[in-house]
Amino acid sequence: MHQRPGIQGPPPGCPAHGNTQLYGPQFGSDPDAVYAYLRTLGPSAPVDIAPGVEVELVTSYDAALYILQNPASFVRDSRRWNALNEGRVPEDSPALPMLGYRPNALFSDGAAHARLRQAVTDSLATVNELQLVRQTQASADYLISRFSTERLGQAELMAEYAQPLPLLVFSDLFGCPPEIGDRVITGISGIFSGTPGADQVLAEALGELIARKRRQPGEDLTTRLMQHSAQLTDEEVLHQLVTLLSGGTTPLSAVIGTTSALMLGEDWQADLPVEDAVNQVLWNYAPIANYAAHYATHDVELGGRVVKANDPVVISFAAANTDPRLAEHREQLSAKAHLAFGAGPHACPAKDPAFVIAVTAVESLLNRLPDIEVRAPFKDLSWVPAPWSRSLVALPVRFTPRTVAPAQAQQTEPQPAAPAVPVAAASRSMAHSAPGASKPKPGLFSRFLAWTRGE
């Protein structure tokens, strides 16, 4: 099990109450050292997950499993959050978009959760695995074609491959037409990069998608959610789609990037399959590192500490998976016993499709570019300094450039980057272009669909 050396003494704490900070460059550069220190305080400890936002962080595998599998004592509805209700959470806190209540299965409990989750799981169950593999391969081929030809044999895989690939696959699964798929990708990408107005762009695009599927149903996830016997409202369908996008695309990007880096590193055993590498990443570099806030329905004791009712308890999937207490039992555990996909009633409903996409994406990369190699040792790669996810900042690679026939050059030539435009303005220009005005430049999904048609 990969463990970094422990740190001497406690990591930096919040000046107000001495809590360990789960944000900033020091945490981002060595989160394992922070988790090691927190474990000395017990199965859980108070931390600041953002400036002025205190939560109880669970670092023990057993304690995490107990909470995840105990919905009678720990619920997900963040409207219970004491500090938020008492005005003690900064209004502009970066924790609010991650922990604030939304009307979806993730933040619901009891019968409401069961109804929404059943609609999601039943809809996902209709996804054909072979078709999903083909969709992923097509997306991989398109992205590889963009950076592997007419170039100097170098690329940055996070931005050019790992991040856009899940967005293309999900837009396809949702049955997006080209122009709506472009805006869905713009919106969800903007939300994770902090672009103002991105949430409005995404909501408007998904609202238009749902309206279109009311008129013209299709063989896609959006239609299946809308036609489910749970009879979701359009607003409920929209929020489930947002949950699938946010919970699927960014973590998948992290897994694809980290797995690629691991397999291309000098320490990886060449004959091990991609599935083994993906499982190792899910164990040791959980893409959703610290999340799944729960709220105790009554005061609960955890390892000698009392967690008060309605105070947030956040699961550190990253720390739980690397809990040293697991080391002696690790070989007896199933390869899928990690908590990267959660556990209990709120376990990720898309874990099987996500695993298929990740494995197929990495296999496609290695098959298309057999001599690809990372331009820096794995240990020297930088990680995003955020508490929520464990993802590489960049993955620079080199390879032998591919050659294409002249007839293919136009469709495979990399597109120059468009000038930066606020996503809200871009969305308005797409939706409200004046008659006769020039059409906006096709976005990523439009270009991908055109490429699949040989245009």
Protein backbone atom coordinates (compact mmCIF):
# COMPACT_ATOMS: atom_id res chain seq x y z
CA MET A 1 0.00 0.00 0.00
CA HIS A 2 1.40 3.35 -1.03
CA GLN A 3 2.09 5.55 2.00
CA ARG A 4 4.16 8.68 2.23
CA PRO A 5 6.31 9.34 5.30
CA GLY A 6 4.50 10.90 8.22
CA ILE A 7 5.05 14.51 9.22
CA GLN A 8 6.55 15.70 12.45
CA GLY A 9 3.98 17.43 14.59
CA PRO A 10 0.56 18.69 13.51
CA PRO A 11 0.06 20.34 10.13
CA PRO A 12 -0.99 23.98 9.98
CA GLY A 13 -4.20 24.72 11.81
CA CYS A 14 -6.89 27.34 11.52
CA PRO A 15 -5.92 30.37 13.63
CA ALA A 16 -9.45 30.55 15.05
CA HIS A 17 -9.60 27.11 16.68
CA GLY A 18 -6.48 25.17 15.75
CA ASN A 19 -8.14 22.72 13.38
CA THR A 20 -6.06 21.09 10.67
CA GLN A 21 -6.62 22.73 7.29
CA LEU A 22 -7.79 20.40 4.53
CA TYR A 23 -7.04 22.93 1.82
CA GLY A 24 -4.13 24.94 0.48
CA PRO A 25 -0.80 24.00 -1.12
CA GLN A 26 0.66 22.15 1.88
CA PHE A 27 -2.32 19.82 2.13
CA GLY A 28 -2.41 19.41 -1.64
CA SER A 29 1.28 18.50 -1.84
CA ASP A 30 1.10 15.76 0.80
CA PRO A 31 -2.41 14.83 1.94
CA ASP A 32 -1.25 11.40 3.15
CA ALA A 33 0.90 13.08 5.80
CA VAL A 34 -2.12 15.07 6.98
CA TYR A 35 -4.23 11.92 7.16
CA ALA A 36 -1.45 10.18 9.12
CA TYR A 37 -1.49 12.97 11.69
CA LEU A 38 -5.29 12.98 11.92
CA ARG A 39 -5.30 9.22 12.59
CA THR A 40 -3.29 9.88 15.77
CA LEU A 41 -6.34 11.79 17.05
CA GLY A 42 -8.72 8.85 16.60
CA PRO A 43 -11.04 7.47 13.93
CA SER A 44 -12.24 11.01 13.27
CA ALA A 45 -11.05 14.52 13.98
CA PRO A 46 -12.23 18.11 13.45
CA VAL A 47 -10.81 19.85 10.38
CA ASP A 48 -11.49 22.98 8.37
CA ILE A 49 -12.47 21.81 4.91
CA ALA A 50 -12.57 25.45 3.74
CA PRO A 51 -11.85 28.74 5.52
CA GLY A 52 -14.33 29.04 8.39
CA VAL A 53 -16.02 25.70 7.65
CA GLU A 54 -15.48 23.01 10.30
CA VAL A 55 -16.41 19.36 9.74
CA GLU A 56 -15.65 16.08 11.46
CA LEU A 57 -13.40 14.08 9.10
CA VAL A 58 -13.53 10.28 9.32
CA THR A 59 -10.16 8.66 8.50
CA SER A 60 -10.81 5.11 9.73
CA TYR A 61 -12.01 2.47 7.24
CA ASP A 62 -14.19 0.74 9.86
CA ALA A 63 -15.71 4.00 11.09
CA ALA A 64 -16.37 5.14 7.53
CA LEU A 65 -18.08 1.86 6.69
CA TYR A 66 -20.17 2.08 9.87
CA ILE A 67 -21.43 5.55 8.97
CA LEU A 68 -22.04 4.77 5.29
CA GLN A 69 -24.06 1.68 6.21
CA ASN A 70 -26.03 3.20 9.08
CA PRO A 71 -28.78 5.43 7.58
CA ALA A 72 -30.79 5.28 10.80
CA SER A 73 -28.18 7.35 12.65
CA PHE A 74 -26.48 9.24 9.79
CA VAL A 75 -28.44 11.01 7.05
CA ARG A 76 -27.44 13.07 4.01
CA ASP A 77 -29.89 16.01 4.00
CA SER A 78 -27.63 19.04 4.48
CA ARG A 79 -30.55 21.28 5.41
CA ARG A 80 -29.85 19.95 8.92
CA TRP A 81 -26.40 21.61 8.98
CA ASN A 82 -26.17 23.51 12.28
CA ALA A 83 -23.50 26.04 11.31
CA LEU A 84 -25.21 26.85 8.02
CA ASN A 85 -28.58 27.38 9.67
CA GLU A 86 -26.96 29.58 12.31
CA GLY A 87 -25.20 31.77 9.75
CA ARG A 88 -21.69 30.59 10.66
CA VAL A 89 -20.73 29.48 7.13
CA PRO A 90 -19.36 32.26 4.87
CA GLU A 91 -21.83 33.02 2.07
CA ASP A 92 -19.07 32.80 -0.53
CA SER A 93 -17.52 29.63 0.87
CA PRO A 94 -16.25 27.16 -1.75
CA ALA A 95 -17.70 24.44 0.48
CA LEU A 96 -21.30 25.48 -0.19
CA PRO A 97 -21.51 24.27 -3.82
CA MET A 98 -20.15 20.91 -2.64
CA LEU A 99 -22.11 20.46 0.59
CA GLY A 100 -25.24 22.58 0.06
CA TYR A 101 -28.57 20.83 -0.41
CA ARG A 102 -29.82 19.90 -3.87
CA PRO A 103 -33.02 17.98 -4.65
CA ASN A 104 -31.29 14.83 -5.87
CA ALA A 105 -30.65 11.29 -4.64
CA LEU A 106 -27.30 12.30 -3.14
CA PHE A 107 -28.85 14.66 -0.59
CA SER A 108 -32.09 12.74 0.07
CA ASP A 109 -33.00 10.11 2.63
CA GLY A 110 -35.67 7.50 3.25
CA ALA A 111 -38.51 7.14 0.76
CA ALA A 112 -37.49 10.24 -1.23
CA HIS A 113 -34.00 8.82 -1.72
CA ALA A 114 -35.29 5.37 -2.63
CA ARG A 115 -37.59 6.82 -5.30
CA LEU A 116 -34.92 8.98 -6.96
CA ARG A 117 -32.18 6.36 -6.71
CA GLN A 118 -34.37 3.64 -8.22
CA ALA A 119 -35.01 5.83 -11.24
CA VAL A 120 -31.26 6.38 -11.67
CA THR A 121 -30.19 2.76 -11.13
CA ASP A 122 -32.90 1.37 -13.40
CA SER A 123 -31.96 3.83 -16.14
CA LEU A 124 -28.25 3.05 -15.84
CA ALA A 125 -29.02 -0.69 -15.95
CA THR A 126 -30.23 -0.27 -19.54
CA VAL A 127 -26.79 0.92 -20.70
CA ASN A 128 -25.30 -1.80 -22.89
CA GLU A 129 -21.70 -2.49 -21.84
CA LEU A 130 -20.52 -3.29 -25.35
CA GLN A 131 -22.07 -0.09 -26.66
CA LEU A 132 -20.47 1.84 -23.77
CA VAL A 133 -17.07 0.42 -24.72
CA ARG A 134 -17.61 1.49 -28.32
CA GLN A 135 -18.69 4.99 -27.26
CA THR A 136 -15.59 5.32 -25.10
CA GLN A 137 -13.32 4.02 -27.85
CA ALA A 138 -14.80 6.47 -30.34
CA SER A 139 -14.25 9.37 -27.93
CA ALA A 140 -10.71 8.18 -27.25
CA ASP A 141 -9.92 7.85 -30.97
CA TYR A 142 -11.17 11.36 -31.64
CA LEU A 143 -9.17 12.97 -28.84
CA ILE A 144 -6.01 11.02 -29.66
CA SER A 145 -6.36 12.01 -33.32
CA ARG A 146 -6.38 15.67 -32.29
CA PHE A 147 -3.12 15.66 -30.35
CA SER A 148 -1.15 12.85 -31.97
CA THR A 149 -0.92 14.13 -35.56
CA GLU A 150 0.77 17.19 -37.04
CA ARG A 151 2.47 17.74 -33.68
CA LEU A 152 5.95 17.27 -32.24
CA GLY A 153 5.01 14.10 -30.39
CA GLN A 154 4.14 15.78 -27.10
CA ALA A 155 0.84 16.32 -25.28
CA GLU A 156 -0.64 17.16 -21.90
CA LEU A 157 -2.97 14.23 -21.21
CA MET A 158 -5.12 15.72 -18.45
CA ALA A 159 -6.35 18.66 -20.53
CA GLU A 160 -6.26 16.93 -23.91
CA TYR A 161 -7.53 13.46 -23.02
CA ALA A 162 -8.51 12.55 -19.45
CA GLN A 163 -10.73 15.58 -18.82
CA PRO A 164 -12.67 15.83 -22.10
CA LEU A 165 -13.20 12.08 -22.64
CA PRO A 166 -15.84 11.49 -19.92
CA LEU A 167 -17.65 14.66 -21.04
CA LEU A 168 -17.98 13.29 -24.57
CA VAL A 169 -19.17 9.90 -23.32
CA PHE A 170 -21.78 11.35 -20.95
CA SER A 171 -23.08 13.82 -23.54
CA ASP A 172 -23.55 10.86 -25.86
CA LEU A 173 -25.25 8.76 -23.15
CA PHE A 174 -27.62 11.64 -22.39
CA GLY A 175 -28.64 11.81 -26.04
CA CYS A 176 -27.53 15.41 -26.48
CA PRO A 177 -27.85 17.00 -29.92
CA PRO A 178 -24.64 18.79 -30.98
CA GLU A 179 -25.41 22.34 -29.85
CA ILE A 180 -26.84 21.26 -26.48
CA GLY A 181 -23.94 18.88 -25.87
CA ASP A 182 -21.53 21.77 -26.45
CA ARG A 183 -23.26 23.85 -23.79
CA VAL A 184 -23.52 20.95 -21.33
CA ILE A 185 -19.75 20.50 -21.59
CA THR A 186 -19.17 24.26 -21.28
CA GLY A 187 -21.41 24.42 -18.21
CA ILE A 188 -20.08 21.46 -16.24
CA SER A 189 -16.47 22.36 -17.08
CA GLY A 190 -17.11 25.92 -15.95
CA ILE A 191 -18.60 24.79 -12.64
CA PHE A 192 -15.47 22.84 -11.74
CA SER A 193 -13.17 25.65 -12.88
CA GLY A 194 -15.16 28.29 -10.99
CA THR A 195 -16.38 30.22 -14.06
CA PRO A 196 -19.15 32.70 -13.16
CA GLY A 197 -22.52 31.78 -14.64
CA ALA A 198 -21.55 28.20 -15.47
CA ASP A 199 -24.33 26.72 -13.36
CA GLN A 200 -26.90 28.75 -15.30
CA VAL A 201 -25.43 27.61 -18.62
CA LEU A 202 -25.66 23.97 -17.54
CA ALA A 203 -29.19 24.31 -16.17
CA GLU A 204 -30.44 26.01 -19.35
CA ALA A 205 -28.81 23.41 -21.59
CA LEU A 206 -30.23 20.48 -19.63
CA GLY A 207 -33.62 22.17 -19.46
CA GLU A 208 -33.66 22.41 -23.25
CA LEU A 209 -32.54 18.79 -23.53
CA ILE A 210 -35.39 17.62 -21.32
CA ALA A 211 -37.92 19.71 -23.27
CA ARG A 212 -36.64 18.20 -26.52
CA LYS A 213 -36.90 14.66 -25.13
CA ARG A 214 -40.52 15.37 -24.14
CA ARG A 215 -41.21 16.08 -27.81
CA GLN A 216 -38.85 13.48 -29.27
CA PRO A 217 -37.99 10.61 -26.88
CA GLY A 218 -34.86 8.64 -27.67
CA GLU A 219 -32.84 5.60 -26.62
CA ASP A 220 -30.82 7.49 -24.03
CA LEU A 221 -30.46 8.02 -20.28
CA THR A 222 -32.41 11.27 -20.30
CA THR A 223 -35.46 9.65 -21.88
CA ARG A 224 -35.27 6.62 -19.59
CA LEU A 225 -35.21 8.84 -16.51
CA MET A 226 -38.19 10.78 -17.82
CA GLN A 227 -40.17 7.65 -18.63
CA HIS A 228 -39.41 5.81 -15.39
CA SER A 229 -42.34 4.65 -13.28
CA ALA A 230 -41.16 6.94 -10.46
CA GLN A 231 -42.61 9.79 -12.58
CA LEU A 232 -39.88 12.34 -11.93
CA THR A 233 -40.69 15.96 -12.61
CA ASP A 234 -38.59 17.81 -15.17
CA GLU A 235 -36.77 19.56 -12.32
CA GLU A 236 -36.00 16.22 -10.67
CA VAL A 237 -34.72 14.80 -13.97
CA LEU A 238 -32.47 17.84 -14.38
CA HIS A 239 -30.96 17.43 -10.91
CA GLN A 240 -30.30 13.72 -11.42
CA LEU A 241 -28.52 14.51 -14.69
CA VAL A 242 -26.40 17.13 -12.91
CA THR A 243 -25.53 14.56 -10.24
CA LEU A 244 -24.45 12.01 -12.86
CA LEU A 245 -22.36 14.63 -14.64
CA SER A 246 -20.65 16.07 -11.58
CA GLY A 247 -20.20 12.73 -9.83
CA GLY A 248 -19.06 10.96 -12.97
CA THR A 249 -16.99 13.16 -15.20
CA THR A 250 -14.43 14.77 -12.88
CA PRO A 251 -13.70 11.65 -10.79
CA LEU A 252 -13.41 9.63 -14.01
CA SER A 253 -10.94 12.15 -15.40
CA ALA A 254 -8.85 11.74 -12.26
CA VAL A 255 -8.88 7.93 -12.51
CA ILE A 256 -7.98 7.95 -16.21
CA GLY A 257 -5.12 10.40 -15.65
CA THR A 258 -3.69 8.74 -12.55
CA THR A 259 -3.99 5.23 -14.01
CA SER A 260 -2.23 6.34 -17.19
CA ALA A 261 0.56 7.95 -15.16
CA LEU A 262 0.92 4.85 -12.99
CA MET A 263 1.10 2.43 -15.93
CA LEU A 264 3.52 4.61 -17.86
CA GLY A 265 5.78 5.00 -14.84
CA GLU A 266 9.02 3.08 -14.52
CA ASP A 267 7.85 1.16 -11.41
CA TRP A 268 4.78 -0.44 -13.02
CA GLN A 269 4.94 -4.18 -13.76
CA ALA A 270 4.40 -4.37 -17.52
CA ASP A 271 2.39 -7.59 -17.65
CA LEU A 272 -0.34 -6.49 -15.22
CA PRO A 273 -3.70 -5.64 -16.82
CA VAL A 274 -5.28 -2.21 -16.89
CA GLU A 275 -8.01 -3.42 -14.51
CA ASP A 276 -5.36 -3.95 -11.82
CA ALA A 277 -4.02 -0.44 -12.30
CA VAL A 278 -7.49 1.10 -12.07
CA ASN A 279 -8.19 -0.82 -8.86
CA GLN A 280 -4.86 0.30 -7.41
CA VAL A 281 -5.74 3.91 -8.17
CA LEU A 282 -9.17 3.51 -6.58
CA TRP A 283 -7.51 2.15 -3.44
CA ASN A 284 -4.54 4.50 -3.13
CA TYR A 285 -5.62 7.68 -4.95
CA ALA A 286 -9.38 7.81 -4.40
CA PRO A 287 -10.63 10.33 -6.99
CA ILE A 288 -13.31 11.62 -4.60
CA ALA A 289 -10.99 12.11 -1.66
CA ASN A 290 -13.15 13.76 1.02
CA TYR A 291 -16.90 14.02 0.58
CA ALA A 292 -20.22 12.35 1.43
CA ALA A 293 -21.21 14.64 4.31
CA HIS A 294 -23.51 12.95 6.81
CA TYR A 295 -25.48 14.43 9.68
CA ALA A 296 -26.06 12.44 12.86
CA THR A 297 -29.71 12.24 13.86
CA HIS A 298 -28.59 12.24 17.51
CA ASP A 299 -25.34 12.73 19.39
CA VAL A 300 -23.02 9.85 18.45
CA GLU A 301 -19.72 8.72 19.99
CA LEU A 302 -16.93 7.90 17.56
CA GLY A 303 -13.76 6.58 19.18
CA GLY A 304 -14.18 8.67 22.30
CA ARG A 305 -15.28 11.82 20.47
CA VAL A 306 -18.90 12.94 20.53
CA VAL A 307 -20.32 14.04 17.20
CA LYS A 308 -23.25 16.34 17.82
CA ALA A 309 -26.52 15.90 16.02
CA ASN A 310 -26.71 17.83 12.74
CA ASP A 311 -23.00 18.65 12.60
CA PRO A 312 -21.39 17.55 9.30
CA VAL A 313 -19.39 14.32 9.30
CA VAL A 314 -17.33 14.02 6.11
CA ILE A 315 -15.91 10.70 4.91
CA SER A 316 -12.26 10.71 3.86
CA PHE A 317 -12.38 7.97 1.25
CA ALA A 318 -8.69 8.62 0.59
CA ALA A 319 -7.70 8.14 4.24
CA ALA A 320 -10.07 5.21 4.86
CA ASN A 321 -8.75 3.30 1.85
CA THR A 322 -5.16 3.73 3.03
CA ASP A 323 -5.92 3.02 6.71
CA PRO A 324 -2.82 1.18 8.04
CA ARG A 325 -5.14 -1.14 10.00
CA LEU A 326 -6.18 -2.65 6.67
CA ALA A 327 -2.63 -3.61 5.70
CA GLU A 328 -2.64 -7.00 7.43
CA HIS A 329 -6.00 -7.93 5.86
CA ARG A 330 -5.53 -6.34 2.45
CA GLU A 331 -4.76 -9.58 0.63
CA GLN A 332 -7.94 -11.17 2.00
CA LEU A 333 -10.10 -8.26 0.86
CA SER A 334 -11.79 -8.16 -2.51
CA ALA A 335 -10.13 -5.87 -5.04
CA LYS A 336 -13.39 -3.93 -4.96
CA ALA A 337 -13.57 -3.57 -1.17
CA HIS A 338 -12.26 -0.01 -1.42
CA LEU A 339 -14.60 2.86 -0.58
CA ALA A 340 -13.83 4.95 -3.67
CA PHE A 341 -17.40 4.40 -4.86
CA GLY A 342 -18.84 4.71 -1.36
CA ALA A 343 -20.88 2.02 0.38
CA GLY A 344 -24.35 1.48 1.77
CA PRO A 345 -27.56 2.99 0.41
CA HIS A 346 -25.75 5.96 -1.18
CA ALA A 347 -23.00 3.97 -2.94
CA CYS A 348 -22.32 5.25 -6.44
CA PRO A 349 -25.00 3.80 -8.75
CA ALA A 350 -22.73 4.21 -11.78
CA LYS A 351 -19.67 2.37 -10.44
CA ASP A 352 -19.80 -0.42 -13.04
CA PRO A 353 -20.13 1.89 -16.08
CA ALA A 354 -17.46 4.16 -14.58
CA PHE A 355 -15.03 1.25 -14.26
CA VAL A 356 -15.69 0.21 -17.86
CA ILE A 357 -15.09 3.75 -19.15
CA ALA A 358 -11.85 4.14 -17.17
CA VAL A 359 -10.40 0.79 -18.28
CA THR A 360 -11.41 1.34 -21.92
CA ALA A 361 -9.97 4.87 -21.97
CA VAL A 362 -6.57 3.75 -20.67
CA GLU A 363 -6.48 0.69 -22.93
CA SER A 364 -7.30 2.83 -25.96
CA LEU A 365 -4.48 5.24 -25.15
CA LEU A 366 -1.91 2.47 -24.75
CA ASN A 367 -3.08 0.66 -27.90
CA ARG A 368 -3.14 3.76 -30.12
CA LEU A 369 0.19 5.13 -28.88
CA PRO A 370 2.26 2.07 -27.91
CA ASP A 371 5.48 4.01 -27.29
CA ILE A 372 3.92 6.75 -25.16
CA GLU A 373 5.85 7.71 -22.03
CA VAL A 374 5.52 10.24 -19.23
CA ARG A 375 7.99 13.12 -19.34
CA ALA A 376 8.38 13.23 -15.55
CA PRO A 377 8.62 10.56 -12.80
CA PHE A 378 5.32 9.72 -11.10
CA LYS A 379 6.62 11.02 -7.77
CA ASP A 380 7.31 14.45 -9.30
CA LEU A 381 3.82 15.00 -10.74
CA SER A 382 1.71 17.72 -9.13
CA TRP A 383 -1.76 17.22 -7.67
CA VAL A 384 -4.71 19.60 -7.49
CA PRO A 385 -4.63 21.20 -3.99
CA ALA A 386 -8.33 20.69 -3.26
CA PRO A 387 -9.87 18.66 -0.41
CA TRP A 388 -12.62 17.12 -2.52
CA SER A 389 -10.68 15.26 -5.19
CA ARG A 390 -7.33 13.64 -5.89
CA SER A 391 -6.38 14.53 -9.44
CA LEU A 392 -3.21 15.34 -11.30
CA VAL A 393 -2.73 18.95 -12.37
CA ALA A 394 -1.03 17.88 -15.59
CA LEU A 395 0.36 14.76 -17.24
CA PRO A 396 3.01 15.64 -19.86
CA VAL A 397 3.80 12.80 -22.28
CA ARG A 398 5.87 12.13 -25.40
CA PHE A 399 5.31 9.65 -28.23
CA THR A 400 6.02 9.08 -31.89
CA PRO A 401 3.66 11.35 -33.88
CA ARG A 402 1.12 9.51 -36.00
CA THR A 403 0.85 10.20 -39.72
CA VAL A 404 -2.46 10.56 -41.52
CA ALA A 405 -3.52 10.43 -45.13
CA PRO A 406 -4.04 13.87 -46.77
CA ALA A 407 -7.82 13.27 -46.97
CA GLN A 408 -7.93 12.79 -43.19
CA ALA A 409 -5.74 15.75 -42.30
CA GLN A 410 -8.55 18.28 -42.16
CA GLN A 411 -10.70 16.34 -39.73
CA THR A 412 -7.80 15.27 -37.47
CA GLU A 413 -5.90 18.54 -37.35
CA PRO A 414 -6.01 20.05 -33.85
CA GLN A 415 -8.38 22.99 -33.59
CA PRO A 416 -6.86 26.27 -32.38
CA ALA A 417 -8.08 27.33 -28.98
CA ALA A 418 -10.94 29.81 -29.02
CA PRO A 419 -10.46 33.08 -27.15
CA ALA A 420 -11.68 33.04 -23.58
CA VAL A 421 -15.35 34.07 -23.39
CA PRO A 422 -17.46 34.02 -20.22
CA VAL A 423 -19.65 30.94 -20.43
CA ALA A 424 -22.84 32.86 -19.72
CA ALA A 425 -22.17 35.15 -22.66
CA ALA A 426 -21.30 32.19 -24.85
CA SER A 427 -24.55 30.51 -23.88
CA ARG A 428 -26.61 33.59 -24.68
CA SER A 429 -24.95 33.92 -28.07
CA MET A 430 -25.80 30.29 -28.82
CA ALA A 431 -29.39 30.54 -27.70
CA HIS A 432 -30.26 34.01 -28.97
CA SER A 433 -28.25 34.63 -32.14
CA ALA A 434 -29.93 37.20 -34.35
CA PRO A 435 -31.30 35.98 -37.69
CA GLY A 436 -28.58 36.08 -40.28
CA ALA A 437 -25.83 36.36 -37.69
CA SER A 438 -22.86 34.06 -38.11
CA LYS A 439 -23.21 30.83 -36.18
CA PRO A 440 -20.98 30.33 -33.12
CA LYS A 441 -17.96 28.13 -33.63
CA PRO A 442 -18.82 24.45 -33.04
CA GLY A 443 -17.86 23.22 -29.61
CA LEU A 444 -16.15 19.99 -28.57
CA PHE A 445 -19.21 17.75 -28.82
CA SER A 446 -20.26 19.14 -32.19
CA ARG A 447 -16.77 18.57 -33.58
CA PHE A 448 -16.70 15.06 -32.16
CA LEU A 449 -20.03 14.12 -33.74
CA ALA A 450 -18.93 15.61 -37.07
CA TRP A 451 -15.71 13.57 -36.86
CA THR A 452 -17.66 10.35 -36.24
CA ARG A 453 -19.64 11.08 -39.42
CA GLY A 454 -16.41 11.63 -41.39
CA GLU A 455 -17.13 15.32 -41.95
